[in-house]
Amino acid sequence: QVQLVESGGGSVQPGDSLRLSCADSGSQFNIYTMGWYRQAPGKSRELVASIDSGYSIRYADSVKGRFTISRDNAKRTVDLQMDSLRPEDTAVYYCKKGLQWWGQGIQVTVSS
């Protein structure tokens, strides 16, 4: 059974940083693409960043140069370093493993 647990969210001011982490209790973490998605109120869930088993990375245009995704296969974690946060980054952030497994989501609020 796969369980993805996100941590590190919170409320910050514009320009601040946060680091999200997702821990996977399942198996074969290293062969799966891991991703971070977000959903703002009234909007669809969107990809923020993903990293595949070969460490190829994709970013949404809106976060390029500000966010960094990384993975640690030994620890079975995937992190999202978020710098220069903006109010429009406010959303619930979800970790995703492969095509079907989701975390419960964690709130990130950026407001002055």
C-alpha atoms as a PDB file:
ATOM      1  CA  GLN A   1       0.000   0.000   0.000  1.00  0.00           C
ATOM      2  CA  VAL A   2       1.312   3.405  -0.980  1.00  0.00           C
ATOM      3  CA  GLN A   3       1.102   6.273   1.456  1.00  0.00           C
ATOM      4  CA  LEU A   4       2.459   9.683   0.536  1.00  0.00           C
ATOM      5  CA  VAL A   5       2.775  12.197   3.348  1.00  0.00           C
ATOM      6  CA  GLU A   6       3.510  15.848   2.629  1.00  0.00           C
ATOM      7  CA  SER A   7       5.067  18.241   5.120  1.00  0.00           C
ATOM      8  CA  GLY A   8       6.516  21.745   5.246  1.00  0.00           C
ATOM      9  CA  GLY A   9       3.583  23.892   4.224  1.00  0.00           C
ATOM     10  CA  GLY A  10       2.454  27.025   5.975  1.00  0.00           C
ATOM     11  CA  SER A  11       1.800  30.738   5.720  1.00  0.00           C
ATOM     12  CA  VAL A  12       4.539  33.080   4.554  1.00  0.00           C
ATOM     13  CA  GLN A  13       4.964  36.556   3.123  1.00  0.00           C
ATOM     14  CA  PRO A  14       5.759  37.363  -0.508  1.00  0.00           C
ATOM     15  CA  GLY A  15       9.424  36.811  -1.241  1.00  0.00           C
ATOM     16  CA  ASP A  16       9.846  34.179   1.455  1.00  0.00           C
ATOM     17  CA  SER A  17      10.821  30.546   0.968  1.00  0.00           C
ATOM     18  CA  LEU A  18       9.308  27.206   1.927  1.00  0.00           C
ATOM     19  CA  ARG A  19      10.473  23.657   1.449  1.00  0.00           C
ATOM     20  CA  LEU A  20       7.897  20.926   0.949  1.00  0.00           C
ATOM     21  CA  SER A  21       8.765  17.302   1.476  1.00  0.00           C
ATOM     22  CA  CYS A  22       6.889  14.146   0.515  1.00  0.00           C
ATOM     23  CA  ALA A  23       7.698  10.813   2.131  1.00  0.00           C
ATOM     24  CA  ASP A  24       6.681   7.575   0.426  1.00  0.00           C
ATOM     25  CA  SER A  25       5.956   4.494   2.511  1.00  0.00           C
ATOM     26  CA  GLY A  26       5.529   2.267  -0.527  1.00  0.00           C
ATOM     27  CA  SER A  27       8.001   0.238  -2.508  1.00  0.00           C
ATOM     28  CA  GLN A  28      10.022   0.773  -5.672  1.00  0.00           C
ATOM     29  CA  PHE A  29      10.160   4.522  -5.143  1.00  0.00           C
ATOM     30  CA  ASN A  30      13.168   4.782  -7.426  1.00  0.00           C
ATOM     31  CA  ILE A  31      11.382   3.619 -10.591  1.00  0.00           C
ATOM     32  CA  TYR A  32       8.515   6.094 -10.444  1.00  0.00           C
ATOM     33  CA  THR A  33       8.145   9.624 -11.673  1.00  0.00           C
ATOM     34  CA  MET A  34       7.397  11.848  -8.701  1.00  0.00           C
ATOM     35  CA  GLY A  35       5.595  15.119  -9.017  1.00  0.00           C
ATOM     36  CA  TRP A  36       4.276  18.116  -7.177  1.00  0.00           C
ATOM     37  CA  TYR A  37       0.912  19.537  -8.202  1.00  0.00           C
ATOM     38  CA  ARG A  38      -1.155  22.365  -6.809  1.00  0.00           C
ATOM     39  CA  GLN A  39      -4.756  23.437  -6.764  1.00  0.00           C
ATOM     40  CA  ALA A  40      -5.851  26.960  -5.990  1.00  0.00           C
ATOM     41  CA  PRO A  41      -9.445  27.765  -5.008  1.00  0.00           C
ATOM     42  CA  GLY A  42     -11.713  27.660  -8.040  1.00  0.00           C
ATOM     43  CA  LYS A  43      -8.965  26.358 -10.315  1.00  0.00           C
ATOM     44  CA  SER A  44      -7.964  22.995 -11.731  1.00  0.00           C
ATOM     45  CA  ARG A  45      -5.101  21.004 -10.320  1.00  0.00           C
ATOM     46  CA  GLU A  46      -1.894  21.756 -12.212  1.00  0.00           C
ATOM     47  CA  LEU A  47       1.580  20.328 -12.472  1.00  0.00           C
ATOM     48  CA  VAL A  48       4.212  22.346 -10.632  1.00  0.00           C
ATOM     49  CA  ALA A  49       7.245  20.132 -11.141  1.00  0.00           C
ATOM     50  CA  SER A  50       8.131  16.510 -11.774  1.00  0.00           C
ATOM     51  CA  ILE A  51      11.248  14.367 -11.660  1.00  0.00           C
ATOM     52  CA  ASP A  52      11.477  10.966 -13.281  1.00  0.00           C
ATOM     53  CA  SER A  53      13.566   7.918 -12.453  1.00  0.00           C
ATOM     54  CA  GLY A  54      16.408   9.259 -14.601  1.00  0.00           C
ATOM     55  CA  TYR A  55      16.288  12.622 -12.821  1.00  0.00           C
ATOM     56  CA  SER A  56      14.815  14.438 -15.810  1.00  0.00           C
ATOM     57  CA  ILE A  57      12.901  17.435 -14.518  1.00  0.00           C
ATOM     58  CA  ARG A  58       9.957  19.470 -15.733  1.00  0.00           C
ATOM     59  CA  TYR A  59       8.667  22.750 -14.325  1.00  0.00           C
ATOM     60  CA  ALA A  60       5.590  24.788 -14.936  1.00  0.00           C
ATOM     61  CA  ASP A  61       6.544  28.044 -16.640  1.00  0.00           C
ATOM     62  CA  SER A  62       5.145  29.992 -13.711  1.00  0.00           C
ATOM     63  CA  VAL A  63       7.691  28.514 -11.273  1.00  0.00           C
ATOM     64  CA  LYS A  64      10.813  28.203 -13.433  1.00  0.00           C
ATOM     65  CA  GLY A  65      13.787  29.838 -11.763  1.00  0.00           C
ATOM     66  CA  ARG A  66      12.023  29.975  -8.382  1.00  0.00           C
ATOM     67  CA  PHE A  67      11.219  26.355  -7.496  1.00  0.00           C
ATOM     68  CA  THR A  68      13.535  23.357  -7.385  1.00  0.00           C
ATOM     69  CA  ILE A  69      12.449  19.734  -7.219  1.00  0.00           C
ATOM     70  CA  SER A  70      14.733  16.997  -5.941  1.00  0.00           C
ATOM     71  CA  ARG A  71      14.483  13.374  -4.928  1.00  0.00           C
ATOM     72  CA  ASP A  72      16.345  11.083  -2.547  1.00  0.00           C
ATOM     73  CA  ASN A  73      15.777   7.468  -3.501  1.00  0.00           C
ATOM     74  CA  ALA A  74      17.468   6.138  -0.376  1.00  0.00           C
ATOM     75  CA  LYS A  75      15.111   8.107   1.857  1.00  0.00           C
ATOM     76  CA  ARG A  76      12.138   7.732  -0.526  1.00  0.00           C
ATOM     77  CA  THR A  77      11.446  11.427  -0.445  1.00  0.00           C
ATOM     78  CA  VAL A  78      10.805  14.125  -3.000  1.00  0.00           C
ATOM     79  CA  ASP A  79      11.244  17.758  -2.035  1.00  0.00           C
ATOM     80  CA  LEU A  80      10.131  21.054  -3.525  1.00  0.00           C
ATOM     81  CA  GLN A  81      12.202  24.088  -2.609  1.00  0.00           C
ATOM     82  CA  MET A  82      10.099  27.183  -3.229  1.00  0.00           C
ATOM     83  CA  ASP A  83      11.846  30.546  -3.275  1.00  0.00           C
ATOM     84  CA  SER A  84      10.627  34.054  -4.059  1.00  0.00           C
ATOM     85  CA  LEU A  85       7.087  33.018  -3.268  1.00  0.00           C
ATOM     86  CA  ARG A  86       4.226  35.065  -4.673  1.00  0.00           C
ATOM     87  CA  PRO A  87       0.594  35.402  -3.642  1.00  0.00           C
ATOM     88  CA  GLU A  88      -0.386  33.479  -6.769  1.00  0.00           C
ATOM     89  CA  ASP A  89       1.529  30.464  -5.439  1.00  0.00           C
ATOM     90  CA  THR A  90      -1.156  30.090  -2.778  1.00  0.00           C
ATOM     91  CA  ALA A  91      -2.715  26.657  -3.173  1.00  0.00           C
ATOM     92  CA  VAL A  92      -2.987  23.182  -1.769  1.00  0.00           C
ATOM     93  CA  TYR A  93       0.107  21.288  -2.902  1.00  0.00           C
ATOM     94  CA  TYR A  94      -0.069  17.569  -3.646  1.00  0.00           C
ATOM     95  CA  CYS A  95       2.629  14.958  -4.046  1.00  0.00           C
ATOM     96  CA  LYS A  96       2.069  12.352  -6.751  1.00  0.00           C
ATOM     97  CA  LYS A  97       3.766   9.013  -7.351  1.00  0.00           C
ATOM     98  CA  GLY A  98       3.558   7.534 -10.811  1.00  0.00           C
ATOM     99  CA  LEU A  99       0.165   7.883 -12.476  1.00  0.00           C
ATOM    100  CA  GLN A 100      -2.197   7.053  -9.676  1.00  0.00           C
ATOM    101  CA  TRP A 101      -1.026   7.725  -6.140  1.00  0.00           C
ATOM    102  CA  TRP A 102      -1.630  11.067  -4.436  1.00  0.00           C
ATOM    103  CA  GLY A 103      -0.806  12.539  -1.071  1.00  0.00           C
ATOM    104  CA  GLN A 104      -3.447  14.211   1.050  1.00  0.00           C
ATOM    105  CA  GLY A 105      -2.289  17.715   0.179  1.00  0.00           C
ATOM    106  CA  ILE A 106      -0.767  20.524   2.193  1.00  0.00           C
ATOM    107  CA  GLN A 107      -1.685  24.199   2.296  1.00  0.00           C
ATOM    108  CA  VAL A 108       0.718  26.912   1.197  1.00  0.00           C
ATOM    109  CA  THR A 109      -0.444  30.485   1.726  1.00  0.00           C
ATOM    110  CA  VAL A 110       1.522  33.504   0.531  1.00  0.00           C
ATOM    111  CA  SER A 111       0.121  36.778   1.786  1.00  0.00           C
ATOM    112  CA  SER A 112       1.270  40.074   3.182  1.00  0.00           C
END
